[in-house]
Protein backbone atom coordinates (compact mmCIF):
# COMPACT_ATOMS: atom_id res chain seq x y z
CA MET A 1 38.42 -24.26 84.77
CA THR A 2 37.31 -20.88 83.43
CA LEU A 3 37.70 -18.94 80.24
CA SER A 4 39.85 -15.88 79.93
CA ASP A 5 38.06 -12.72 78.88
CA THR A 6 41.29 -10.97 77.93
CA ASN A 7 42.85 -13.80 75.97
CA PRO A 8 40.26 -15.98 74.18
CA ALA A 9 42.95 -18.35 72.98
CA SER A 10 43.88 -19.19 76.57
CA LEU A 11 41.80 -22.02 78.03
CA LEU A 12 42.97 -21.99 81.64
CA THR A 13 43.13 -18.87 83.80
CA ALA A 14 43.19 -18.11 87.48
CA PRO A 15 39.94 -18.83 89.33
CA LEU A 16 37.41 -16.04 89.26
CA THR A 17 36.52 -14.17 92.38
CA SER A 18 33.51 -15.25 94.40
CA GLY A 19 30.21 -14.15 92.97
CA VAL A 20 31.49 -14.20 89.38
CA ARG A 21 30.31 -17.07 87.17
CA ALA A 22 31.97 -18.21 83.97
CA GLU A 23 29.96 -19.59 81.09
CA VAL A 24 31.26 -21.77 78.27
CA LYS A 25 29.53 -21.28 74.95
CA PHE A 26 29.68 -23.75 72.08
CA ASN A 27 28.59 -22.81 68.61
CA ARG A 28 27.22 -25.80 66.69
CA PRO A 29 28.75 -25.96 63.20
CA ASN A 30 26.55 -25.74 60.17
CA ILE A 31 25.85 -29.34 59.10
CA GLU A 32 25.44 -28.25 55.50
CA ASN A 33 29.04 -27.04 55.42
CA LEU A 34 30.21 -30.41 56.76
CA GLY A 35 28.53 -32.32 53.95
CA TYR A 36 26.20 -34.15 56.33
CA LYS A 37 23.05 -35.67 54.85
CA ASN A 38 20.27 -37.16 56.92
CA THR A 39 19.23 -40.47 55.35
CA GLY A 40 16.99 -41.57 58.19
CA THR A 41 13.81 -40.03 56.81
CA GLN A 42 12.91 -43.32 55.13
CA PHE A 43 12.32 -44.83 58.57
CA ARG A 44 10.00 -42.08 59.82
CA LEU A 45 6.23 -42.10 59.66
CA GLU A 46 5.35 -38.59 58.61
CA ASN A 47 2.12 -36.98 59.83
CA GLY A 48 1.11 -40.11 61.72
CA SER A 49 0.77 -42.18 58.54
CA LYS A 50 1.05 -45.94 58.84
CA ASP A 51 2.17 -48.24 56.07
CA TYR A 52 1.32 -51.91 56.60
CA ASN A 53 2.82 -53.01 53.29
CA ARG A 54 6.34 -53.29 54.69
CA GLN A 55 5.97 -56.85 55.85
CA PHE A 56 7.98 -60.03 55.43
CA TYR A 57 5.44 -61.72 53.17
CA LYS A 58 7.23 -60.40 50.08
CA VAL A 59 10.40 -62.19 51.16
CA TYR A 60 8.53 -65.45 51.70
CA GLY A 61 6.69 -65.01 48.40
CA ALA A 62 9.89 -64.41 46.44
CA ARG A 63 11.57 -67.43 48.03
CA LEU A 64 8.57 -69.65 47.29
CA ALA A 65 8.43 -68.49 43.65
CA THR A 66 12.15 -69.22 43.26
CA MET A 67 12.09 -72.64 44.92
CA ARG A 68 8.86 -73.98 43.37
CA PRO A 69 10.38 -74.99 39.97
CA PHE A 70 13.25 -76.83 41.68
CA ILE A 71 10.88 -78.74 43.96
CA ILE A 72 8.61 -79.70 41.08
CA ALA A 73 11.63 -80.91 39.10
CA ALA A 74 12.81 -82.99 42.08
CA ALA A 75 9.32 -84.46 42.47
CA LYS A 76 9.10 -85.43 38.78
CA GLU A 77 12.50 -87.06 38.96
CA LYS A 78 11.40 -89.12 41.94
CA LEU A 79 7.73 -89.79 41.19
CA GLY A 80 7.52 -89.51 37.40
CA ASN A 81 6.75 -86.80 34.89
CA ASN A 82 2.98 -87.35 34.93
CA ILE A 83 2.34 -86.17 38.49
CA ALA A 84 -0.45 -83.67 39.12
CA VAL A 85 0.70 -80.34 40.60
CA LYS A 86 -1.98 -78.21 42.23
CA ASN A 87 -2.01 -74.79 43.86
CA LEU A 88 -3.65 -74.57 47.26
CA VAL A 89 -6.46 -72.47 45.83
CA ASP A 90 -7.39 -75.46 43.60
CA LEU A 91 -8.00 -77.75 46.58
CA LYS A 92 -11.51 -78.77 47.47
CA GLU A 93 -13.63 -77.04 50.08
CA ASP A 94 -14.14 -78.52 53.55
CA ASP A 95 -17.51 -80.05 52.67
CA GLU A 96 -16.57 -81.45 49.24
CA GLY A 97 -15.07 -84.69 50.50
CA ALA A 98 -11.72 -86.28 49.74
CA ARG A 99 -9.77 -86.36 46.50
CA VAL A 100 -9.01 -89.84 45.17
CA GLU A 101 -5.77 -89.22 43.28
CA ASP A 102 -2.40 -88.22 44.68
CA ILE A 103 -1.31 -84.67 43.97
CA LEU A 104 1.70 -82.46 44.68
CA ILE A 105 1.34 -79.14 46.46
CA VAL A 106 4.20 -76.71 47.06
CA GLY A 107 4.34 -74.07 49.76
CA THR A 108 6.01 -72.71 52.88
CA ILE A 109 5.84 -74.62 56.15
CA PHE A 110 4.30 -72.84 59.14
CA LYS A 111 4.30 -74.48 62.55
CA GLN A 112 1.37 -73.78 64.84
CA GLN A 113 2.67 -73.81 68.42
CA GLU A 114 0.42 -73.31 71.41
CA ARG A 115 3.35 -72.31 73.64
CA LYS A 116 4.89 -69.82 71.24
CA PRO A 117 4.93 -66.31 72.76
CA ASN A 118 2.20 -64.09 71.37
CA ILE A 119 2.07 -60.43 72.38
CA LEU A 120 -1.57 -60.09 71.31
CA LYS A 121 -2.53 -63.00 73.53
CA GLU A 122 -0.58 -61.53 76.44
CA LEU A 123 -2.28 -58.15 76.07
CA SER A 124 -5.74 -59.71 75.87
CA GLU A 125 -5.07 -61.65 79.08
CA ASP A 126 -3.67 -58.75 81.11
CA GLY A 127 -6.99 -58.21 82.77
CA GLY A 128 -7.39 -61.87 83.71
CA LEU A 129 -6.72 -63.24 87.17
CA GLU A 130 -5.10 -66.48 86.06
CA MET A 131 -1.33 -66.32 85.62
CA GLN A 132 0.04 -67.85 82.44
CA PRO A 133 2.71 -70.53 82.98
CA VAL A 134 6.30 -69.69 82.10
CA HIS A 135 7.67 -72.11 79.50
CA THR A 136 11.29 -73.07 78.99
CA VAL A 137 10.41 -75.36 76.06
CA TYR A 138 8.10 -73.96 73.41
CA THR A 139 7.35 -77.21 71.57
CA ALA A 140 4.58 -79.60 72.56
CA GLU A 141 2.80 -82.72 71.33
CA THR A 142 -0.10 -80.52 70.23
CA ASP A 143 2.00 -78.67 67.61
CA SER A 144 0.83 -79.00 64.03
CA LEU A 145 2.12 -78.10 60.57
CA VAL A 146 0.44 -75.92 57.95
CA LEU A 147 1.45 -75.42 54.32
CA GLU A 148 0.76 -72.00 52.82
CA ASP A 149 1.35 -70.25 49.52
CA GLU A 150 0.32 -66.89 48.03
CA SER A 151 -3.39 -67.72 48.15
CA MET A 152 -4.26 -69.80 51.23
CA ARG A 153 -3.10 -72.47 53.68
CA VAL A 154 -3.95 -76.10 54.41
CA LYS A 155 -3.35 -78.18 57.52
CA LEU A 156 -1.07 -81.20 57.06
CA GLU A 157 -1.73 -84.64 58.50
CA GLY A 158 1.64 -86.32 58.41
CA GLY A 159 1.32 -89.17 60.88
CA GLU A 160 4.63 -91.00 61.06
CA VAL A 161 5.72 -89.61 57.69
CA LEU A 162 5.89 -85.99 58.81
CA LYS A 163 5.89 -84.89 62.44
CA ALA A 164 5.66 -81.31 63.68
CA GLY A 165 9.14 -81.53 65.17
CA ASP A 166 10.73 -82.50 61.86
CA LEU A 167 10.54 -79.03 60.28
CA VAL A 168 10.74 -75.38 61.28
CA ASN A 169 8.94 -72.28 60.06
CA GLY A 170 9.84 -70.95 56.63
CA VAL A 171 10.94 -74.18 54.95
CA VAL A 172 9.78 -74.43 51.33
CA ALA A 173 8.72 -77.98 50.57
CA GLY A 174 6.63 -80.09 48.24
CA ILE A 175 3.98 -82.33 49.81
CA TRP A 176 2.85 -85.45 47.96
CA GLY A 177 -0.41 -86.98 49.13
CA LYS A 178 -4.21 -86.74 49.09
CA GLU A 179 -6.88 -84.35 50.25
CA VAL A 180 -9.00 -85.68 53.07
CA THR A 181 -12.34 -84.67 54.48
CA GLY A 182 -12.29 -81.49 56.54
CA GLY A 183 -10.01 -79.44 54.32
CA LYS A 184 -6.86 -81.26 55.42
CA PHE A 185 -4.07 -82.88 53.43
CA SER A 186 -2.74 -86.36 54.16
CA VAL A 187 1.03 -86.49 53.62
CA THR A 188 2.55 -89.46 51.83
CA GLU A 189 5.98 -88.00 51.13
CA VAL A 190 7.89 -84.74 51.60
CA ILE A 191 10.06 -83.48 48.76
CA PHE A 192 12.75 -80.80 48.95
CA ALA A 193 14.73 -79.06 46.25
CA LYS A 194 17.97 -80.77 45.35
CA VAL A 195 21.35 -79.15 45.86
CA PRO A 196 22.79 -78.11 42.47
CA ALA A 197 25.73 -80.12 41.22
CA CYS A 198 29.10 -78.74 42.19
CA GLU A 199 30.99 -77.25 39.26
CA GLY A 200 34.74 -77.60 39.24
CA SER A 201 37.12 -79.98 40.93
CA VAL A 202 36.29 -81.50 44.30
CA PRO A 203 39.20 -81.95 46.72
CA GLU A 204 39.97 -85.55 47.53
CA ASP A 205 40.99 -84.85 51.13
CA ASP A 206 38.46 -83.94 53.77
CA ILE A 207 38.42 -80.24 54.56
CA SER A 208 36.72 -78.11 57.19
CA VAL A 209 34.78 -74.94 56.48
CA CYS A 210 34.34 -72.25 59.13
CA VAL A 211 31.54 -69.70 58.71
CA LEU A 212 31.90 -66.47 60.72
CA SER A 213 29.73 -63.41 61.04
CA GLY A 214 29.84 -60.11 62.86
CA LEU A 215 33.40 -59.20 61.87
CA GLU A 216 32.26 -55.95 60.21
CA LEU A 217 34.89 -56.26 57.50
CA GLY A 218 33.16 -53.62 55.44
CA GLY A 219 33.36 -50.96 58.14
CA GLU A 220 35.02 -47.64 57.46
CA GLY A 221 37.12 -47.71 60.62
CA ALA A 222 39.82 -50.11 61.72
CA GLY A 223 37.84 -51.64 64.57
CA TRP A 224 37.34 -54.87 62.64
CA LEU A 225 41.07 -55.67 62.71
CA GLY A 226 40.94 -56.76 66.34
CA ALA A 227 37.86 -58.92 65.73
CA ALA A 228 39.47 -60.54 62.68
CA GLN A 229 42.69 -61.25 64.56
CA LEU A 230 40.77 -62.71 67.52
CA ALA A 231 38.77 -64.94 65.18
CA THR A 232 41.95 -66.11 63.45
CA ASP A 233 43.65 -66.92 66.74
CA TRP A 234 40.59 -68.78 67.97
CA VAL A 235 40.23 -70.89 64.80
CA VAL A 236 43.91 -71.60 64.22
CA GLY A 237 44.72 -72.03 67.89
């Protein structure tokens, strides 16, 4: 396929003679005339600058601040209105002994897992000769739970009341119990926020609810129609 020198509008012409090479030139259109606007600059680090403030802690902090009043209300409904609510920063130091009275602390659950993949640990052990075992299960009997808020964290001793396998990371909960020696907290009861009462009529017959994601219903193109139809056929049968 070559370009015609005599007729620019003609795309195909007879092959050129040997020794003659055809070149195809493409002029890139002016992006300003097309109305294009680059909005990706917000994701670039200009001049090598690094911003460590864009972390997930703000999300966890906002969720904890929203859930705390609901958990305290659920605790008062269950344990009485005269319960003592303490922030983690108000707990005693490691060498101050145990607290006698029961108190309520509210925070976000964090699970400490020895088998959880850690890139920093892998990089620090690259120079070692001992190969790290490959795990297919990342939970173990040595896992422990920690409760943290905006100020600090405290290790939970749940015993049979609260085991490490009962909760996952990120759950906001209220812990009712006592401080014990060593800066730990002995769990007597775990309290969660209650589900708000349903407003409106409740159907008498049992119904099923299907939650789907990834359909891209808000896309500009029509590619989501096939995904929606496939989902409908799969659910309805």
